[in-house]
Amino acid sequence: MNFVAFQAVWFICVYGAAGGRPWIGPAAAAVLLPINLLFCPRPGAELRLWAVAGLLGLFLDTILGSFGWIGFPAATAPGGAVLLAPLWIVTLWVAFGSLLNSSLTWLAGRPGLTILLSAVGGPLSFWSGARIGATSVPGGSMGYLALSIEYAVAVPLLMRASRFLTGEVGGHPEPVQEDTPIAAPPHGQSPKRGE
């Protein structure tokens, strides 16, 4: 279900942006992505992870766009520079964040494979968006190299953020610490923990 929701959001965001309706993707994501929260043991941590993914994507895609390596035709300023990555691409980063604790958990503990797949998959996804007309890569091979580096760094960072935000250590949830009850103090003394 999670991967299907992601794919639906991807297609709606990309085709919406290419068709001059960049708002339709974020609207669809607002409906589809919360379904994932029904299956999350820690919805608050999951939402924080999505926010981290969105902010990281906003930052990185804005940087690459400001150098002219990537572009978003509907959000490009005069002269070809991207002032700020558009909301629909940030929505895709948020949607990607929704995969980390579900469809992509098999990559946990496999940093080499994560880097390799990210370095190939990220630019391939961007290339697909360019073929549809939602994105562009005016930087050519330098743009694709920059995208490859972006994803090879960003995805492992997001995997690590996922483990941190959900309290997982070594791929296993950290045990929940119960508060030690306060014992009744002897007459005239202040309470102490663990007695």
N, C-alpha and C. Protein backbone atom coordinates (compact mmCIF):
# COMPACT_ATOMS: atom_id res chain seq x y z
N MET A 1 0.83 -1.20 0.00
CA MET A 1 0.00 0.00 0.00
C MET A 1 0.86 1.26 0.00
N ASN A 2 1.92 1.24 0.82
CA ASN A 2 2.79 2.41 0.93
C ASN A 2 3.43 2.76 -0.41
N PHE A 3 4.00 1.77 -1.09
CA PHE A 3 4.67 2.03 -2.36
C PHE A 3 3.67 2.46 -3.43
N VAL A 4 2.48 1.91 -3.40
CA VAL A 4 1.44 2.29 -4.36
C VAL A 4 1.06 3.76 -4.14
N ALA A 5 0.91 4.17 -2.88
CA ALA A 5 0.59 5.57 -2.58
C ALA A 5 1.71 6.48 -3.07
N PHE A 6 2.97 6.08 -2.86
CA PHE A 6 4.10 6.88 -3.33
C PHE A 6 4.07 7.02 -4.85
N GLN A 7 3.86 5.93 -5.55
CA GLN A 7 3.84 5.98 -7.01
C GLN A 7 2.70 6.87 -7.51
N ALA A 8 1.54 6.77 -6.86
CA ALA A 8 0.42 7.63 -7.26
C ALA A 8 0.77 9.10 -7.05
N VAL A 9 1.37 9.42 -5.92
CA VAL A 9 1.78 10.81 -5.65
C VAL A 9 2.82 11.26 -6.67
N TRP A 10 3.78 10.37 -7.00
CA TRP A 10 4.82 10.74 -7.97
C TRP A 10 4.19 11.10 -9.31
N PHE A 11 3.32 10.23 -9.83
CA PHE A 11 2.71 10.49 -11.14
C PHE A 11 1.84 11.74 -11.11
N ILE A 12 1.07 11.93 -10.07
CA ILE A 12 0.19 13.10 -9.99
C ILE A 12 1.02 14.38 -9.88
N CYS A 13 2.08 14.37 -9.07
CA CYS A 13 2.94 15.54 -8.94
C CYS A 13 3.61 15.88 -10.26
N VAL A 14 4.20 14.89 -10.89
CA VAL A 14 4.98 15.13 -12.12
C VAL A 14 4.07 15.54 -13.27
N TYR A 15 3.00 14.79 -13.49
CA TYR A 15 2.10 15.14 -14.59
C TYR A 15 1.35 16.45 -14.31
N GLY A 16 1.04 16.70 -13.05
CA GLY A 16 0.42 17.97 -12.70
C GLY A 16 1.33 19.14 -12.99
N ALA A 17 2.60 19.03 -12.59
CA ALA A 17 3.57 20.11 -12.85
C ALA A 17 3.79 20.29 -14.34
N ALA A 18 3.91 19.20 -15.07
CA ALA A 18 4.13 19.28 -16.52
C ALA A 18 2.93 19.90 -17.23
N GLY A 19 1.74 19.67 -16.67
CA GLY A 19 0.52 20.20 -17.27
C GLY A 19 0.11 21.57 -16.78
N GLY A 20 0.98 22.22 -16.02
CA GLY A 20 0.67 23.57 -15.54
C GLY A 20 -0.23 23.62 -14.32
N ARG A 21 -0.39 22.48 -13.64
CA ARG A 21 -1.21 22.41 -12.42
C ARG A 21 -0.36 21.85 -11.28
N PRO A 22 0.67 22.59 -10.85
CA PRO A 22 1.59 22.06 -9.84
C PRO A 22 0.95 21.84 -8.47
N TRP A 23 -0.21 22.41 -8.22
CA TRP A 23 -0.89 22.28 -6.93
C TRP A 23 -1.56 20.92 -6.76
N ILE A 24 -1.84 20.24 -7.89
CA ILE A 24 -2.61 19.00 -7.80
C ILE A 24 -1.85 17.88 -7.08
N GLY A 25 -0.53 17.82 -7.26
CA GLY A 25 0.28 16.80 -6.59
C GLY A 25 0.28 16.94 -5.08
N PRO A 26 0.59 18.15 -4.56
CA PRO A 26 0.52 18.32 -3.11
C PRO A 26 -0.87 18.04 -2.54
N ALA A 27 -1.93 18.39 -3.30
CA ALA A 27 -3.29 18.10 -2.83
C ALA A 27 -3.52 16.59 -2.75
N ALA A 28 -3.07 15.86 -3.77
CA ALA A 28 -3.22 14.40 -3.74
C ALA A 28 -2.42 13.79 -2.60
N ALA A 29 -1.22 14.31 -2.37
CA ALA A 29 -0.39 13.79 -1.27
C ALA A 29 -1.06 14.03 0.07
N ALA A 30 -1.74 15.15 0.21
CA ALA A 30 -2.42 15.45 1.47
C ALA A 30 -3.53 14.44 1.75
N VAL A 31 -4.05 13.81 0.71
CA VAL A 31 -5.08 12.79 0.88
C VAL A 31 -4.46 11.40 1.02
N LEU A 32 -3.47 11.08 0.18
CA LEU A 32 -2.93 9.72 0.13
C LEU A 32 -1.91 9.40 1.22
N LEU A 33 -1.01 10.32 1.52
CA LEU A 33 0.06 9.99 2.47
C LEU A 33 -0.42 9.73 3.90
N PRO A 34 -1.43 10.45 4.39
CA PRO A 34 -1.89 10.14 5.76
C PRO A 34 -2.39 8.71 5.95
N ILE A 35 -2.74 8.03 4.87
CA ILE A 35 -3.14 6.62 4.99
C ILE A 35 -2.00 5.81 5.59
N ASN A 36 -0.76 6.17 5.24
CA ASN A 36 0.41 5.46 5.79
C ASN A 36 0.46 5.54 7.31
N LEU A 37 -0.01 6.64 7.85
CA LEU A 37 0.06 6.83 9.30
C LEU A 37 -0.79 5.82 10.06
N LEU A 38 -1.80 5.26 9.39
CA LEU A 38 -2.65 4.25 10.03
C LEU A 38 -1.87 2.99 10.35
N PHE A 39 -0.76 2.77 9.64
CA PHE A 39 0.02 1.56 9.80
C PHE A 39 1.34 1.80 10.53
N CYS A 40 1.55 3.02 11.02
CA CYS A 40 2.81 3.37 11.69
C CYS A 40 2.68 3.19 13.20
N PRO A 41 3.65 2.51 13.82
CA PRO A 41 3.60 2.38 15.27
C PRO A 41 3.88 3.70 15.98
N ARG A 42 4.58 4.62 15.31
CA ARG A 42 4.92 5.92 15.90
C ARG A 42 4.60 7.03 14.90
N PRO A 43 3.34 7.42 14.77
CA PRO A 43 2.96 8.41 13.76
C PRO A 43 3.66 9.76 13.94
N GLY A 44 3.89 10.17 15.17
CA GLY A 44 4.58 11.44 15.40
C GLY A 44 5.99 11.43 14.85
N ALA A 45 6.71 10.35 15.09
CA ALA A 45 8.07 10.20 14.57
C ALA A 45 8.04 10.15 13.05
N GLU A 46 7.05 9.49 12.50
CA GLU A 46 6.91 9.38 11.05
C GLU A 46 6.69 10.76 10.42
N LEU A 47 5.83 11.56 11.02
CA LEU A 47 5.59 12.91 10.51
C LEU A 47 6.84 13.77 10.59
N ARG A 48 7.61 13.63 11.65
CA ARG A 48 8.87 14.39 11.76
C ARG A 48 9.84 13.96 10.66
N LEU A 49 9.88 12.67 10.37
CA LEU A 49 10.75 12.18 9.31
C LEU A 49 10.32 12.76 7.96
N TRP A 50 9.04 12.81 7.71
CA TRP A 50 8.55 13.40 6.46
C TRP A 50 8.95 14.86 6.36
N ALA A 51 8.86 15.58 7.48
CA ALA A 51 9.25 16.99 7.49
C ALA A 51 10.75 17.14 7.20
N VAL A 52 11.56 16.29 7.81
CA VAL A 52 13.01 16.32 7.56
C VAL A 52 13.28 16.05 6.08
N ALA A 53 12.62 15.06 5.51
CA ALA A 53 12.82 14.73 4.09
C ALA A 53 12.42 15.91 3.21
N GLY A 54 11.31 16.54 3.51
CA GLY A 54 10.86 17.68 2.71
C GLY A 54 11.82 18.86 2.80
N LEU A 55 12.28 19.16 4.00
CA LEU A 55 13.21 20.28 4.18
C LEU A 55 14.56 20.00 3.51
N LEU A 56 15.05 18.77 3.63
CA LEU A 56 16.30 18.41 2.98
C LEU A 56 16.17 18.52 1.47
N GLY A 57 15.08 18.01 0.92
CA GLY A 57 14.85 18.11 -0.52
C GLY A 57 14.72 19.55 -0.98
N LEU A 58 14.01 20.36 -0.23
CA LEU A 58 13.88 21.79 -0.56
C LEU A 58 15.27 22.43 -0.63
N PHE A 59 16.09 22.18 0.37
CA PHE A 59 17.42 22.76 0.44
C PHE A 59 18.29 22.28 -0.73
N LEU A 60 18.37 20.97 -0.92
CA LEU A 60 19.27 20.42 -1.93
C LEU A 60 18.83 20.76 -3.36
N ASP A 61 17.54 20.63 -3.65
CA ASP A 61 17.09 20.94 -5.01
C ASP A 61 17.18 22.44 -5.31
N THR A 62 17.00 23.27 -4.29
CA THR A 62 17.19 24.71 -4.49
C THR A 62 18.65 25.02 -4.80
N ILE A 63 19.56 24.37 -4.09
CA ILE A 63 21.00 24.57 -4.35
C ILE A 63 21.34 24.14 -5.78
N LEU A 64 20.94 22.94 -6.17
CA LEU A 64 21.25 22.46 -7.52
C LEU A 64 20.62 23.35 -8.58
N GLY A 65 19.40 23.82 -8.30
CA GLY A 65 18.74 24.72 -9.24
C GLY A 65 19.42 26.07 -9.33
N SER A 66 19.94 26.57 -8.21
CA SER A 66 20.60 27.88 -8.23
C SER A 66 21.90 27.85 -9.03
N PHE A 67 22.53 26.67 -9.12
CA PHE A 67 23.73 26.52 -9.95
C PHE A 67 23.38 26.27 -11.42
N GLY A 68 22.09 26.08 -11.71
CA GLY A 68 21.66 25.83 -13.08
C GLY A 68 21.84 24.40 -13.53
N TRP A 69 22.08 23.48 -12.59
CA TRP A 69 22.27 22.08 -12.94
C TRP A 69 20.95 21.36 -13.17
N ILE A 70 19.90 21.78 -12.45
CA ILE A 70 18.57 21.23 -12.65
C ILE A 70 17.59 22.39 -12.77
N GLY A 71 16.43 22.11 -13.30
CA GLY A 71 15.44 23.16 -13.45
C GLY A 71 14.02 22.61 -13.31
N PHE A 72 13.15 23.53 -13.04
CA PHE A 72 11.72 23.23 -12.94
C PHE A 72 11.04 24.28 -13.81
N PRO A 73 10.69 23.95 -15.04
CA PRO A 73 10.22 24.96 -15.99
C PRO A 73 9.16 25.92 -15.45
N ALA A 74 8.25 25.45 -14.64
CA ALA A 74 7.20 26.33 -14.11
C ALA A 74 7.70 27.22 -12.97
N ALA A 75 8.88 26.92 -12.41
CA ALA A 75 9.38 27.67 -11.24
C ALA A 75 10.75 28.30 -11.50
N THR A 76 11.06 28.53 -12.76
CA THR A 76 12.37 29.07 -13.11
C THR A 76 12.27 30.58 -13.30
N ALA A 77 13.19 31.30 -12.67
CA ALA A 77 13.24 32.75 -12.77
C ALA A 77 13.85 33.16 -14.10
N PRO A 78 13.70 34.43 -14.47
CA PRO A 78 14.38 34.91 -15.68
C PRO A 78 15.89 34.64 -15.56
N GLY A 79 16.48 34.20 -16.65
CA GLY A 79 17.90 33.86 -16.63
C GLY A 79 18.12 32.38 -16.35
N GLY A 80 17.05 31.62 -16.06
CA GLY A 80 17.16 30.18 -15.90
C GLY A 80 17.43 29.67 -14.50
N ALA A 81 17.62 30.55 -13.51
CA ALA A 81 17.92 30.10 -12.15
C ALA A 81 16.65 29.71 -11.41
N VAL A 82 16.78 28.72 -10.55
CA VAL A 82 15.68 28.32 -9.68
C VAL A 82 15.83 29.09 -8.37
N LEU A 83 14.84 29.91 -8.03
CA LEU A 83 14.92 30.67 -6.79
C LEU A 83 14.64 29.78 -5.59
N LEU A 84 13.66 28.90 -5.73
CA LEU A 84 13.28 28.00 -4.66
C LEU A 84 12.63 26.77 -5.30
N ALA A 85 13.03 25.59 -4.86
CA ALA A 85 12.42 24.37 -5.41
C ALA A 85 10.91 24.45 -5.20
N PRO A 86 10.12 24.07 -6.19
CA PRO A 86 8.67 24.20 -6.08
C PRO A 86 8.06 23.20 -5.09
N LEU A 87 6.88 23.54 -4.63
CA LEU A 87 6.18 22.73 -3.63
C LEU A 87 5.97 21.29 -4.11
N TRP A 88 5.69 21.09 -5.37
CA TRP A 88 5.42 19.73 -5.84
C TRP A 88 6.65 18.83 -5.72
N ILE A 89 7.87 19.36 -5.93
CA ILE A 89 9.06 18.52 -5.79
C ILE A 89 9.37 18.28 -4.31
N VAL A 90 9.07 19.26 -3.47
CA VAL A 90 9.22 19.07 -2.02
C VAL A 90 8.23 18.00 -1.56
N THR A 91 7.04 18.00 -2.14
CA THR A 91 6.05 16.97 -1.84
C THR A 91 6.58 15.59 -2.19
N LEU A 92 7.31 15.48 -3.28
CA LEU A 92 7.90 14.18 -3.64
C LEU A 92 8.94 13.74 -2.63
N TRP A 93 9.71 14.68 -2.09
CA TRP A 93 10.67 14.33 -1.03
C TRP A 93 9.92 13.84 0.21
N VAL A 94 8.82 14.51 0.55
CA VAL A 94 8.01 14.08 1.70
C VAL A 94 7.47 12.67 1.44
N ALA A 95 6.96 12.45 0.23
CA ALA A 95 6.43 11.13 -0.12
C ALA A 95 7.53 10.08 -0.07
N PHE A 96 8.74 10.44 -0.51
CA PHE A 96 9.86 9.50 -0.42
C PHE A 96 10.15 9.19 1.05
N GLY A 97 10.07 10.20 1.91
CA GLY A 97 10.27 9.98 3.34
C GLY A 97 9.29 8.97 3.91
N SER A 98 8.10 8.88 3.31
CA SER A 98 7.10 7.92 3.78
C SER A 98 7.48 6.48 3.47
N LEU A 99 8.43 6.28 2.57
CA LEU A 99 8.87 4.92 2.22
C LEU A 99 9.91 4.36 3.18
N LEU A 100 10.61 5.23 3.89
CA LEU A 100 11.79 4.82 4.65
C LEU A 100 11.51 3.80 5.74
N ASN A 101 10.37 3.93 6.43
CA ASN A 101 10.04 3.01 7.52
C ASN A 101 9.09 1.90 7.09
N SER A 102 8.90 1.76 5.78
CA SER A 102 8.01 0.70 5.31
C SER A 102 8.63 0.00 4.10
N SER A 103 8.41 0.53 2.92
CA SER A 103 8.87 -0.15 1.71
C SER A 103 10.38 -0.25 1.57
N LEU A 104 11.13 0.63 2.21
CA LEU A 104 12.59 0.63 2.07
C LEU A 104 13.33 0.11 3.30
N THR A 105 12.64 -0.51 4.25
CA THR A 105 13.33 -1.00 5.45
C THR A 105 14.36 -2.07 5.13
N TRP A 106 14.19 -2.76 4.02
CA TRP A 106 15.14 -3.81 3.64
C TRP A 106 16.54 -3.23 3.35
N LEU A 107 16.63 -1.90 3.14
CA LEU A 107 17.93 -1.27 2.91
C LEU A 107 18.66 -0.92 4.20
N ALA A 108 17.96 -1.01 5.32
CA ALA A 108 18.60 -0.67 6.61
C ALA A 108 19.79 -1.60 6.83
N GLY A 109 20.90 -1.03 7.24
CA GLY A 109 22.09 -1.81 7.49
C GLY A 109 22.86 -2.20 6.24
N ARG A 110 22.47 -1.64 5.10
CA ARG A 110 23.15 -1.91 3.83
C ARG A 110 23.56 -0.58 3.19
N PRO A 111 24.49 0.13 3.81
CA PRO A 111 24.84 1.48 3.32
C PRO A 111 25.39 1.49 1.89
N GLY A 112 26.20 0.51 1.51
CA GLY A 112 26.74 0.48 0.16
C GLY A 112 25.66 0.34 -0.89
N LEU A 113 24.73 -0.57 -0.65
CA LEU A 113 23.62 -0.77 -1.57
C LEU A 113 22.71 0.46 -1.60
N THR A 114 22.48 1.06 -0.44
CA THR A 114 21.66 2.28 -0.37
C THR A 114 22.27 3.39 -1.22
N ILE A 115 23.58 3.59 -1.09
CA ILE A 115 24.26 4.64 -1.85
C ILE A 115 24.19 4.34 -3.34
N LEU A 116 24.46 3.11 -3.72
CA LEU A 116 24.44 2.73 -5.13
C LEU A 116 23.06 2.93 -5.75
N LEU A 117 22.04 2.38 -5.11
CA LEU A 117 20.68 2.50 -5.65
C LEU A 117 20.22 3.95 -5.68
N SER A 118 20.60 4.73 -4.70
CA SER A 118 20.22 6.14 -4.65
C SER A 118 20.92 6.94 -5.74
N ALA A 119 22.21 6.64 -5.95
CA ALA A 119 22.99 7.36 -6.97
C ALA A 119 22.48 7.10 -8.38
N VAL A 120 21.83 5.95 -8.57
CA VAL A 120 21.27 5.62 -9.88
C VAL A 120 19.79 5.99 -9.94
N GLY A 121 19.03 5.64 -8.91
CA GLY A 121 17.58 5.84 -8.92
C GLY A 121 17.14 7.29 -8.88
N GLY A 122 17.84 8.12 -8.11
CA GLY A 122 17.47 9.53 -8.03
C GLY A 122 17.54 10.23 -9.37
N PRO A 123 18.71 10.18 -10.05
CA PRO A 123 18.79 10.80 -11.38
C PRO A 123 17.84 10.19 -12.40
N LEU A 124 17.61 8.87 -12.29
CA LEU A 124 16.68 8.22 -13.22
C LEU A 124 15.26 8.77 -13.03
N SER A 125 14.86 8.96 -11.80
CA SER A 125 13.55 9.54 -11.52
C SER A 125 13.47 10.97 -12.06
N PHE A 126 14.55 11.72 -11.88
CA PHE A 126 14.58 13.10 -12.38
C PHE A 126 14.55 13.11 -13.91
N TRP A 127 15.27 12.18 -14.53
CA TRP A 127 15.26 12.06 -15.99
C TRP A 127 13.84 11.78 -16.48
N SER A 128 13.14 10.89 -15.77
CA SER A 128 11.75 10.59 -16.14
C SER A 128 10.89 11.84 -16.07
N GLY A 129 11.09 12.62 -15.01
CA GLY A 129 10.36 13.88 -14.89
C GLY A 129 10.68 14.85 -16.01
N ALA A 130 11.92 14.85 -16.47
CA ALA A 130 12.32 15.72 -17.57
C ALA A 130 11.66 15.26 -18.88
N ARG A 131 11.58 13.95 -19.08
CA ARG A 131 10.94 13.43 -20.30
C ARG A 131 9.46 13.81 -20.35
N ILE A 132 8.83 13.89 -19.18
CA ILE A 132 7.41 14.26 -19.10
C ILE A 132 7.23 15.77 -19.23
N GLY A 133 8.26 16.54 -18.86
CA GLY A 133 8.19 17.99 -19.00
C GLY A 133 8.08 18.74 -17.68
N ALA A 134 8.20 18.03 -16.56
CA ALA A 134 8.08 18.68 -15.25
C ALA A 134 9.40 19.24 -14.76
N THR A 135 10.51 18.60 -15.17
CA THR A 135 11.84 19.03 -14.74
C THR A 135 12.71 19.20 -15.97
N SER A 136 13.89 19.75 -15.75
CA SER A 136 14.89 19.83 -16.81
C SER A 136 16.26 19.68 -16.18
N VAL A 137 17.21 19.32 -17.00
CA VAL A 137 18.59 19.18 -16.53
C VAL A 137 19.48 19.99 -17.48
N PRO A 138 19.42 21.32 -17.35
CA PRO A 138 20.22 22.15 -18.25
C PRO A 138 21.73 21.96 -18.05
N GLY A 139 22.11 21.40 -16.91
CA GLY A 139 23.53 21.15 -16.65
C GLY A 139 24.04 19.91 -17.35
N GLY A 140 23.19 19.19 -18.09
CA GLY A 140 23.61 18.01 -18.82
C GLY A 140 24.24 16.96 -17.92
N SER A 141 25.38 16.43 -18.34
CA SER A 141 26.02 15.36 -17.56
C SER A 141 26.45 15.87 -16.18
N MET A 142 26.83 17.15 -16.09
CA MET A 142 27.18 17.71 -14.78
C MET A 142 25.95 17.76 -13.87
N GLY A 143 24.80 18.06 -14.44
CA GLY A 143 23.56 18.06 -13.67
C GLY A 143 23.20 16.68 -13.16
N TYR A 144 23.36 15.66 -14.02
CA TYR A 144 23.07 14.29 -13.59
C TYR A 144 24.08 13.80 -12.55
N LEU A 145 25.33 14.22 -12.70
CA LEU A 145 26.34 13.88 -11.69
C LEU A 145 25.97 14.52 -10.35
N ALA A 146 25.56 15.79 -10.40
CA ALA A 146 25.15 16.48 -9.17
C ALA A 146 23.94 15.79 -8.53
N LEU A 147 22.99 15.36 -9.34
CA LEU A 147 21.82 14.63 -8.82
C LEU A 147 22.25 13.30 -8.20
N SER A 148 23.17 12.62 -8.85
CA SER A 148 23.66 11.35 -8.34
C SER A 148 24.30 11.53 -6.97
N ILE A 149 25.12 12.56 -6.84
CA ILE A 149 25.75 12.85 -5.55
C ILE A 149 24.71 13.26 -4.52
N GLU A 150 23.76 14.10 -4.94
CA GLU A 150 22.69 14.54 -4.04
C GLU A 150 21.97 13.35 -3.42
N TYR A 151 21.52 12.43 -4.25
CA TYR A 151 20.76 11.29 -3.74
C TYR A 151 21.64 10.30 -2.98
N ALA A 152 22.88 10.13 -3.43
CA ALA A 152 23.80 9.20 -2.74
C ALA A 152 24.12 9.68 -1.33
N VAL A 153 24.00 10.99 -1.10
CA VAL A 153 24.23 11.54 0.23
C VAL A 153 22.91 11.64 1.00
N ALA A 154 21.87 12.14 0.33
CA ALA A 154 20.60 12.43 1.01
C ALA A 154 19.89 11.17 1.52
N VAL A 155 19.83 10.13 0.72
CA VAL A 155 19.06 8.95 1.13
C VAL A 155 19.68 8.26 2.35
N PRO A 156 21.00 8.03 2.37
CA PRO A 156 21.56 7.46 3.61
C PRO A 156 21.35 8.36 4.83
N LEU A 157 21.42 9.68 4.62
CA LEU A 157 21.15 10.60 5.74
C LEU A 157 19.71 10.44 6.22
N LEU A 158 18.79 10.32 5.30
CA LEU A 158 17.39 10.14 5.68
C LEU A 158 17.16 8.79 6.35
N MET A 159 17.86 7.75 5.90
CA MET A 159 17.75 6.45 6.56
C MET A 159 18.24 6.56 8.01
N ARG A 160 19.32 7.30 8.19
CA ARG A 160 19.86 7.51 9.54
C ARG A 160 18.88 8.34 10.39
N ALA A 161 18.31 9.37 9.78
CA ALA A 161 17.32 10.19 10.49
C ALA A 161 16.12 9.35 10.89
N SER A 162 15.73 8.43 10.02
CA SER A 162 14.61 7.54 10.32
C SER A 162 14.89 6.73 11.58
N ARG A 163 16.08 6.14 11.64
CA ARG A 163 16.46 5.34 12.81
C ARG A 163 16.50 6.20 14.06
N PHE A 164 17.01 7.41 13.95
CA PHE A 164 17.10 8.30 15.10
C PHE A 164 15.72 8.72 15.59
N LEU A 165 14.87 9.14 14.65
CA LEU A 165 13.54 9.65 15.03
C LEU A 165 12.62 8.58 15.58
N THR A 166 12.81 7.34 15.13
CA THR A 166 11.95 6.26 15.63
C THR A 166 12.56 5.56 16.83
N GLY A 167 13.76 5.99 17.24
CA GLY A 167 14.38 5.41 18.42
C GLY A 167 15.00 4.06 18.17
N GLU A 168 15.30 3.74 16.91
CA GLU A 168 15.89 2.44 16.61
C GLU A 168 17.41 2.51 16.74
N VAL A 169 17.97 1.51 17.38
CA VAL A 169 19.41 1.39 17.54
C VAL A 169 19.80 0.04 16.97
N GLY A 170 20.72 0.03 16.01
CA GLY A 170 21.15 -1.23 15.41
C GLY A 170 20.04 -1.96 14.68
N GLY A 171 19.04 -1.20 14.17
CA GLY A 171 17.95 -1.81 13.42
C GLY A 171 16.84 -2.37 14.29
N HIS A 172 16.93 -2.23 15.62
CA HIS A 172 15.89 -2.73 16.51
C HIS A 172 15.37 -1.57 17.35
N PRO A 173 14.07 -1.53 17.61
CA PRO A 173 13.54 -0.45 18.43
C PRO A 173 14.20 -0.43 19.80
N GLU A 174 14.51 0.78 20.24
CA GLU A 174 15.08 0.94 21.56
C GLU A 174 14.00 0.64 22.59
N PRO A 175 14.32 -0.12 23.64
CA PRO A 175 13.29 -0.43 24.63
C PRO A 175 12.78 0.85 25.30
N VAL A 176 11.51 0.84 25.55
CA VAL A 176 10.90 1.98 26.22
C VAL A 176 11.23 1.90 27.71
N GLN A 177 11.77 2.98 28.25
CA GLN A 177 12.12 3.03 29.66
C GLN A 177 10.89 3.42 30.47
N GLU A 178 10.56 2.60 31.39
CA GLU A 178 9.46 2.91 32.30
C GLU A 178 9.99 3.77 33.43
N ASP A 179 9.17 4.70 33.87
CA ASP A 179 9.56 5.50 35.03
C ASP A 179 9.60 4.62 36.27
N THR A 180 10.62 4.82 37.07
CA THR A 180 10.74 4.11 38.33
C THR A 180 9.76 4.74 39.31
N PRO A 181 8.92 3.94 39.93
CA PRO A 181 7.95 4.53 40.85
C PRO A 181 8.65 5.16 42.05
N ILE A 182 8.03 6.19 42.53
CA ILE A 182 8.57 6.87 43.72
C ILE A 182 8.00 6.17 44.95
N ALA A 183 8.89 5.70 45.79
CA ALA A 183 8.46 5.04 47.02
C ALA A 183 8.06 6.09 48.05
N ALA A 184 7.15 5.73 48.91
CA ALA A 184 6.75 6.65 49.97
C ALA A 184 7.94 6.89 50.91
N PRO A 185 8.27 8.14 51.16
CA PRO A 185 9.42 8.44 52.01
C PRO A 185 9.12 8.19 53.48
N PRO A 186 10.15 7.85 54.21
CA PRO A 186 9.95 7.78 55.67
C PRO A 186 9.55 9.16 56.17
N HIS A 187 8.88 9.20 57.26
CA HIS A 187 8.37 10.44 57.81
C HIS A 187 9.49 11.48 57.93
N GLY A 188 9.27 12.65 57.32
CA GLY A 188 10.20 13.76 57.44
C GLY A 188 11.29 13.80 56.38
N GLN A 189 11.32 12.82 55.44
CA GLN A 189 12.34 12.84 54.38
C GLN A 189 11.68 13.10 53.04
N SER A 190 12.50 13.62 52.07
CA SER A 190 11.96 13.87 50.74
C SER A 190 11.97 12.57 49.94
N PRO A 191 11.08 12.47 48.94
CA PRO A 191 11.00 11.24 48.15
C PRO A 191 12.26 11.00 47.33
N LYS A 192 12.62 9.72 47.15
CA LYS A 192 13.75 9.33 46.32
C LYS A 192 13.28 8.30 45.30
N ARG A 193 13.84 8.37 44.12
CA ARG A 193 13.49 7.41 43.06
C ARG A 193 14.13 6.07 43.34
N GLY A 194 13.44 5.00 43.00
CA GLY A 194 13.98 3.66 43.04
C GLY A 194 13.97 3.01 44.41
N GLU A 195 13.43 3.62 45.40
CA GLU A 195 13.37 2.98 46.74
C GLU A 195 12.08 2.24 46.92
